[in-house]
Protein backbone atom coordinates (compact mmCIF):
# COMPACT_ATOMS: atom_id res chain seq x y z
CA MET A 1 39.00 -198.98 -185.31
CA THR A 2 41.16 -201.90 -186.44
CA LEU A 3 40.40 -205.35 -187.79
CA GLY A 4 42.47 -208.14 -186.29
CA VAL A 5 42.68 -211.81 -185.47
CA GLY A 6 42.89 -213.78 -182.25
CA LEU A 7 46.18 -215.68 -182.11
CA ALA A 8 44.47 -218.64 -180.41
CA ILE A 9 42.86 -219.49 -183.75
CA TYR A 10 46.26 -220.70 -184.95
CA TYR A 11 47.05 -222.84 -181.93
CA SER A 12 48.22 -226.41 -182.55
CA LYS A 13 50.85 -228.79 -181.21
CA LYS A 14 53.33 -227.24 -183.66
CA TYR A 15 52.29 -223.67 -182.87
CA ASP A 16 55.13 -221.15 -183.14
CA LEU A 17 53.81 -217.85 -181.74
CA TYR A 18 56.59 -215.63 -183.08
CA GLU A 19 56.50 -217.17 -186.53
CA LYS A 20 52.74 -216.61 -186.63
CA ILE A 21 53.03 -212.95 -185.52
CA LYS A 22 55.60 -212.40 -188.28
CA HIS A 23 53.31 -214.08 -190.81
CA ILE A 24 50.37 -211.88 -189.76
CA GLY A 25 52.57 -208.79 -189.93
CA GLU A 26 53.24 -209.53 -193.59
CA SER A 27 49.50 -209.53 -194.34
CA ASP A 28 46.87 -206.77 -194.31
CA ILE A 29 45.78 -207.67 -190.75
CA GLN A 30 46.34 -204.77 -188.38
CA GLN A 31 45.95 -206.29 -184.94
CA VAL A 32 46.29 -209.49 -182.93
CA GLU A 33 44.64 -210.61 -179.74
CA LEU A 34 47.11 -212.36 -177.47
CA TYR A 35 45.64 -215.20 -175.44
CA CYS A 36 47.35 -215.39 -172.09
CA GLY A 37 47.72 -218.60 -170.14
CA SER A 38 49.02 -222.06 -170.87
CA PRO A 39 49.36 -223.66 -173.41
CA PHE A 40 49.21 -220.52 -175.57
CA LEU A 41 52.21 -218.98 -173.80
CA LYS A 42 54.93 -221.49 -172.98
CA LYS A 43 56.32 -219.60 -169.98
CA TRP A 44 53.08 -218.27 -168.49
CA ASN A 45 53.29 -220.62 -165.52
CA THR A 46 56.97 -219.92 -164.85
CA SER A 47 58.94 -217.08 -163.30
CA ASP A 48 60.22 -216.19 -166.78
CA TYR A 49 56.84 -215.17 -168.16
CA ILE A 50 57.78 -211.47 -168.20
CA GLU A 51 60.71 -212.21 -170.52
CA GLU A 52 58.32 -214.03 -172.84
CA ILE A 53 55.92 -211.07 -172.84
CA LYS A 54 58.79 -208.68 -173.60
CA LYS A 55 59.87 -210.86 -176.51
CA ILE A 56 56.31 -210.86 -177.84
CA LYS A 57 56.23 -207.07 -177.57
CA GLU A 58 59.42 -206.82 -179.61
CA GLU A 59 57.93 -208.96 -182.37
CA LEU A 60 54.67 -206.98 -182.36
CA ASN A 61 56.63 -203.73 -182.64
CA THR A 62 58.76 -205.16 -185.45
CA GLN A 63 55.64 -206.13 -187.38
CA ASP A 64 53.86 -202.85 -186.49
CA LEU A 65 50.84 -204.68 -185.06
CA ASN A 66 48.35 -203.36 -182.52
CA SER A 67 47.25 -205.70 -179.77
CA SER A 68 44.52 -206.60 -177.32
CA VAL A 69 44.75 -209.31 -174.68
CA HIS A 70 42.46 -212.14 -173.58
CA SER A 71 42.73 -213.27 -169.98
CA PRO A 72 42.77 -217.01 -169.13
CA HIS A 73 39.41 -218.62 -168.45
CA TYR A 74 39.88 -222.36 -168.92
CA ASP A 75 39.53 -224.02 -165.48
CA LEU A 76 38.88 -220.59 -163.93
CA ASN A 77 35.62 -219.20 -162.59
CA ILE A 78 35.38 -215.54 -161.59
CA SER A 79 32.12 -216.39 -159.78
CA THR A 80 33.60 -219.17 -157.66
CA TRP A 81 32.39 -219.70 -154.10
CA ASN A 82 35.76 -221.18 -153.13
CA SER A 83 38.06 -218.59 -151.53
CA GLY A 84 41.21 -220.47 -152.55
CA VAL A 85 40.12 -220.70 -156.17
CA ARG A 86 39.06 -217.05 -156.07
CA LYS A 87 42.60 -216.02 -155.13
CA VAL A 88 44.05 -217.92 -158.08
CA VAL A 89 41.47 -216.53 -160.53
CA LEU A 90 42.12 -212.93 -159.53
CA GLU A 91 45.89 -213.43 -159.59
CA GLU A 92 45.68 -214.80 -163.14
CA ILE A 93 43.60 -211.88 -164.39
CA LYS A 94 45.77 -209.29 -162.62
CA LYS A 95 48.80 -210.99 -164.16
CA THR A 96 47.12 -210.49 -167.54
CA PHE A 97 46.75 -206.76 -166.84
CA LYS A 98 50.49 -206.60 -166.26
CA ALA A 99 51.16 -208.50 -169.48
CA ALA A 100 48.86 -206.14 -171.41
CA ASN A 101 50.62 -203.15 -169.94
CA LEU A 102 54.02 -204.57 -170.93
CA ILE A 103 53.04 -205.09 -174.58
CA GLY A 104 51.31 -201.72 -174.78
CA SER A 105 47.71 -202.91 -174.91
CA ASN A 106 44.94 -201.04 -173.10
CA LEU A 107 42.21 -203.69 -173.34
CA VAL A 108 41.82 -207.07 -171.63
CA VAL A 109 38.95 -209.44 -172.33
CA VAL A 110 37.55 -211.18 -169.24
CA HIS A 111 34.97 -213.97 -169.23
CA PRO A 112 32.07 -213.87 -166.79
CA GLY A 113 31.82 -216.83 -164.46
CA TYR A 114 29.26 -219.55 -164.03
CA VAL A 115 27.16 -221.01 -161.26
CA PRO A 116 29.29 -223.82 -159.75
CA SER A 117 26.25 -226.09 -159.54
CA ARG A 118 22.60 -225.75 -160.47
CA LYS A 119 21.91 -226.55 -156.81
CA PHE A 120 23.52 -223.22 -155.87
CA SER A 121 22.09 -219.69 -156.01
CA ARG A 122 22.55 -217.88 -159.32
CA GLU A 123 22.12 -214.54 -157.51
CA LYS A 124 24.94 -215.36 -155.10
CA ALA A 125 27.25 -216.39 -157.95
CA LEU A 126 26.48 -213.11 -159.71
CA GLN A 127 27.30 -211.18 -156.54
CA LYS A 128 30.62 -213.03 -156.25
CA MET A 129 31.45 -211.95 -159.80
CA ILE A 130 30.46 -208.34 -159.11
CA ASP A 131 32.61 -208.23 -155.96
CA ASN A 132 35.58 -209.67 -157.84
CA LEU A 133 35.15 -207.27 -160.75
CA ARG A 134 35.16 -204.35 -158.31
CA GLU A 135 38.58 -205.48 -157.11
CA LEU A 136 39.79 -206.00 -160.67
CA VAL A 137 38.71 -202.59 -161.96
CA ASP A 138 40.78 -200.93 -159.24
CA VAL A 139 43.86 -202.68 -160.60
CA ALA A 140 42.84 -202.00 -164.21
CA GLU A 141 42.56 -198.29 -163.44
CA ASN A 142 46.13 -198.27 -162.17
CA PHE A 143 47.30 -199.80 -165.46
CA ASP A 144 44.95 -197.56 -167.52
CA ILE A 145 43.35 -200.71 -168.93
CA MET A 146 39.78 -201.30 -170.06
CA ILE A 147 38.14 -204.58 -169.13
CA GLY A 148 35.84 -206.02 -171.78
CA LEU A 149 33.43 -208.40 -170.06
CA GLU A 150 32.46 -210.92 -172.74
CA ASN A 151 28.91 -212.18 -173.22
CA LEU A 152 28.88 -215.98 -172.97
CA SER A 153 27.04 -218.54 -175.07
CA ARG A 154 23.79 -220.15 -173.98
CA HIS A 155 24.30 -222.57 -171.08
CA SER A 156 22.23 -223.17 -167.98
CA LYS A 157 25.10 -222.41 -165.58
CA ALA A 158 26.77 -219.58 -167.52
CA LEU A 159 26.52 -215.97 -166.33
CA GLY A 160 26.54 -212.93 -168.60
CA VAL A 161 24.58 -214.70 -171.33
CA LEU A 162 21.70 -212.23 -171.66
CA PRO A 163 21.96 -208.44 -172.07
CA ARG A 164 20.02 -207.70 -168.89
CA GLU A 165 22.54 -209.62 -166.79
CA LEU A 166 25.51 -207.85 -168.37
CA ASN A 167 23.84 -204.48 -167.90
CA MET A 168 23.11 -205.27 -164.27
CA VAL A 169 26.72 -206.25 -163.60
CA LEU A 170 28.07 -203.09 -165.23
CA ASP A 171 25.59 -200.96 -163.29
CA GLU A 172 26.62 -202.56 -160.01
CA VAL A 173 30.38 -202.32 -160.60
CA ASP A 174 29.98 -198.77 -161.92
CA SER A 175 33.47 -198.19 -163.34
CA LYS A 176 34.60 -196.28 -166.41
CA ASN A 177 37.16 -199.06 -166.94
CA LEU A 178 34.53 -201.78 -167.46
CA GLY A 179 32.66 -202.33 -170.71
CA ILE A 180 31.43 -205.22 -172.85
CA THR A 181 33.26 -207.41 -175.34
CA PHE A 182 30.46 -208.37 -177.70
CA ASP A 183 30.91 -211.91 -179.04
CA VAL A 184 28.64 -212.20 -182.06
CA ALA A 185 28.70 -216.01 -182.19
CA HIS A 186 27.83 -216.28 -178.49
CA ALA A 187 24.90 -213.91 -179.01
CA ASN A 188 23.67 -216.08 -181.89
CA THR A 189 23.09 -218.99 -179.49
CA ILE A 190 20.21 -217.08 -177.85
CA SER A 191 17.00 -218.32 -179.45
CA SER A 192 14.88 -215.47 -178.08
CA MET A 193 16.78 -212.70 -179.87
CA SER A 194 19.05 -212.10 -182.83
CA PRO A 195 22.57 -210.64 -182.53
CA VAL A 196 21.17 -207.35 -183.87
CA GLU A 197 18.51 -207.27 -181.14
CA TYR A 198 21.21 -208.12 -178.61
CA ILE A 199 23.24 -205.09 -179.71
CA GLN A 200 20.19 -202.87 -179.31
CA GLU A 201 20.21 -203.60 -175.56
CA ILE A 202 23.95 -203.12 -174.88
CA GLY A 203 25.21 -201.10 -177.85
CA ASP A 204 26.42 -198.05 -175.94
CA ARG A 205 28.50 -200.28 -173.64
CA ILE A 206 30.35 -202.30 -176.27
CA ILE A 207 34.08 -201.55 -176.30
CA HIS A 208 35.40 -204.59 -178.18
CA VAL A 209 33.97 -207.12 -180.67
CA HIS A 210 34.72 -210.79 -181.35
CA LEU A 211 33.70 -212.15 -184.75
CA SER A 212 33.05 -215.76 -185.71
CA ASP A 213 30.14 -217.64 -187.21
CA ASN A 214 27.81 -220.46 -186.16
CA ARG A 215 24.37 -221.95 -186.77
CA GLY A 216 22.91 -221.21 -183.36
CA GLU A 217 25.11 -223.63 -181.44
CA ASP A 218 28.25 -222.88 -179.42
CA GLU A 219 30.67 -223.02 -182.33
CA HIS A 220 33.26 -220.56 -183.61
CA LEU A 221 33.23 -221.15 -187.35
CA PRO A 222 34.84 -219.08 -190.12
CA ILE A 223 32.79 -216.11 -191.33
CA GLY A 224 30.31 -217.22 -194.00
CA VAL A 225 30.12 -220.85 -192.87
CA GLY A 226 27.28 -220.26 -190.40
CA ASP A 227 24.01 -218.34 -190.65
CA ILE A 228 24.90 -214.98 -189.04
CA ASP A 229 24.19 -211.90 -191.16
CA PHE A 230 27.34 -209.92 -190.42
CA ARG A 231 26.37 -207.00 -192.61
CA ASP A 232 23.35 -206.36 -190.41
CA VAL A 233 25.43 -206.85 -187.24
CA LEU A 234 28.10 -204.38 -188.33
CA ALA A 235 25.48 -201.89 -189.51
CA GLU A 236 23.79 -202.03 -186.09
CA LEU A 237 27.11 -201.44 -184.33
CA LYS A 238 27.65 -198.42 -186.58
CA LYS A 239 24.34 -196.96 -185.36
CA PHE A 240 25.86 -196.88 -181.88
CA ASP A 241 28.99 -195.15 -183.24
CA TYR A 242 31.10 -198.16 -182.33
CA SER A 243 34.75 -197.32 -182.99
CA GLY A 244 36.56 -200.13 -181.18
CA ASP A 245 38.37 -203.13 -182.62
CA TYR A 246 37.03 -206.19 -184.41
CA ILE A 247 38.79 -209.48 -183.68
CA ILE A 248 38.21 -212.56 -185.82
CA GLU A 249 38.11 -215.70 -183.71
CA GLY A 250 37.49 -219.35 -184.42
CA TRP A 251 38.62 -222.89 -183.98
CA LEU A 252 39.84 -225.06 -186.83
CA PRO A 253 41.27 -228.52 -186.17
CA ARG A 254 43.39 -228.70 -189.33
CA GLN A 255 46.43 -226.43 -189.54
CA ASP A 256 46.38 -226.31 -193.34
CA TYR A 257 42.93 -224.66 -193.35
CA LYS A 258 43.64 -221.91 -190.85
CA ASP A 259 45.26 -219.30 -193.08
CA PHE A 260 42.70 -219.80 -195.85
CA PHE A 261 39.71 -219.28 -193.57
CA VAL A 262 41.29 -216.38 -191.66
CA LYS A 263 41.98 -214.58 -194.95
CA LYS A 264 38.47 -215.32 -196.21
CA SER A 265 36.88 -214.13 -192.96
CA TYR A 266 39.04 -211.00 -192.97
CA LYS A 267 38.06 -210.17 -196.55
CA ILE A 268 34.33 -210.59 -195.88
CA ILE A 269 34.36 -208.38 -192.77
CA LYS A 270 36.61 -205.77 -194.38
CA ASN A 271 34.21 -205.49 -197.34
CA HIS A 272 31.20 -205.17 -195.03
CA LEU A 273 32.89 -202.45 -192.98
CA LYS A 274 33.73 -200.57 -196.16
CA ASN A 275 30.20 -200.71 -197.54
CA ILE A 276 27.93 -200.14 -194.55
């Protein structure tokens, strides 16, 4: 188990990825989550992206940091009904598997899709996602990579919001290389259950955890700013013998606040993990 931070939290117009990795390496943080795709990686959409990934690997090795990888999801829908879009989506995620393999990571976070329109069938969109995940797990197995399918926040068109839907997808795909990335803040947007109750329904399938706070809305606030009881959440994960990584996420508009809140969030979670 390691406690890390998602590099996307630091993104800004003046974002220097290598400088930030070096800065993190000089702290107590043990791991980073690399967000693939543009604009987080400058060369992702070029033929030179492999050279960029190799350079990132060198910096991670220099700083002795572990890593996980988040696949692109902006503008992409793994449940799309459009065959042309489907090809692009799968190519982007498979490209992420290759990037993860190059930097030595064995876990890639993938977002579920969404129903393209409320006029369309939710069941058909789910089946599209299941079919696409079956293709993806075959590639993941070749790279010895685990896919962490992330629970999404409450939205009428989003898939993978409730535990029963995630469990159904994992049952249908039926692969040892597919598990769940549990996003605590996303779970806290579900009014019918708490994050602890959410864990009780998927706990033995969680392979990765994202940590951020909110007040029941789709926000990713620093730990302690929202109303989530993280001690109870971490204690519940411990009951399921969770031994994977914890990644602090978030979004902060002002660059001068980022380090302060990351350090504060890290300290709170580290203390909880020590005392549960």
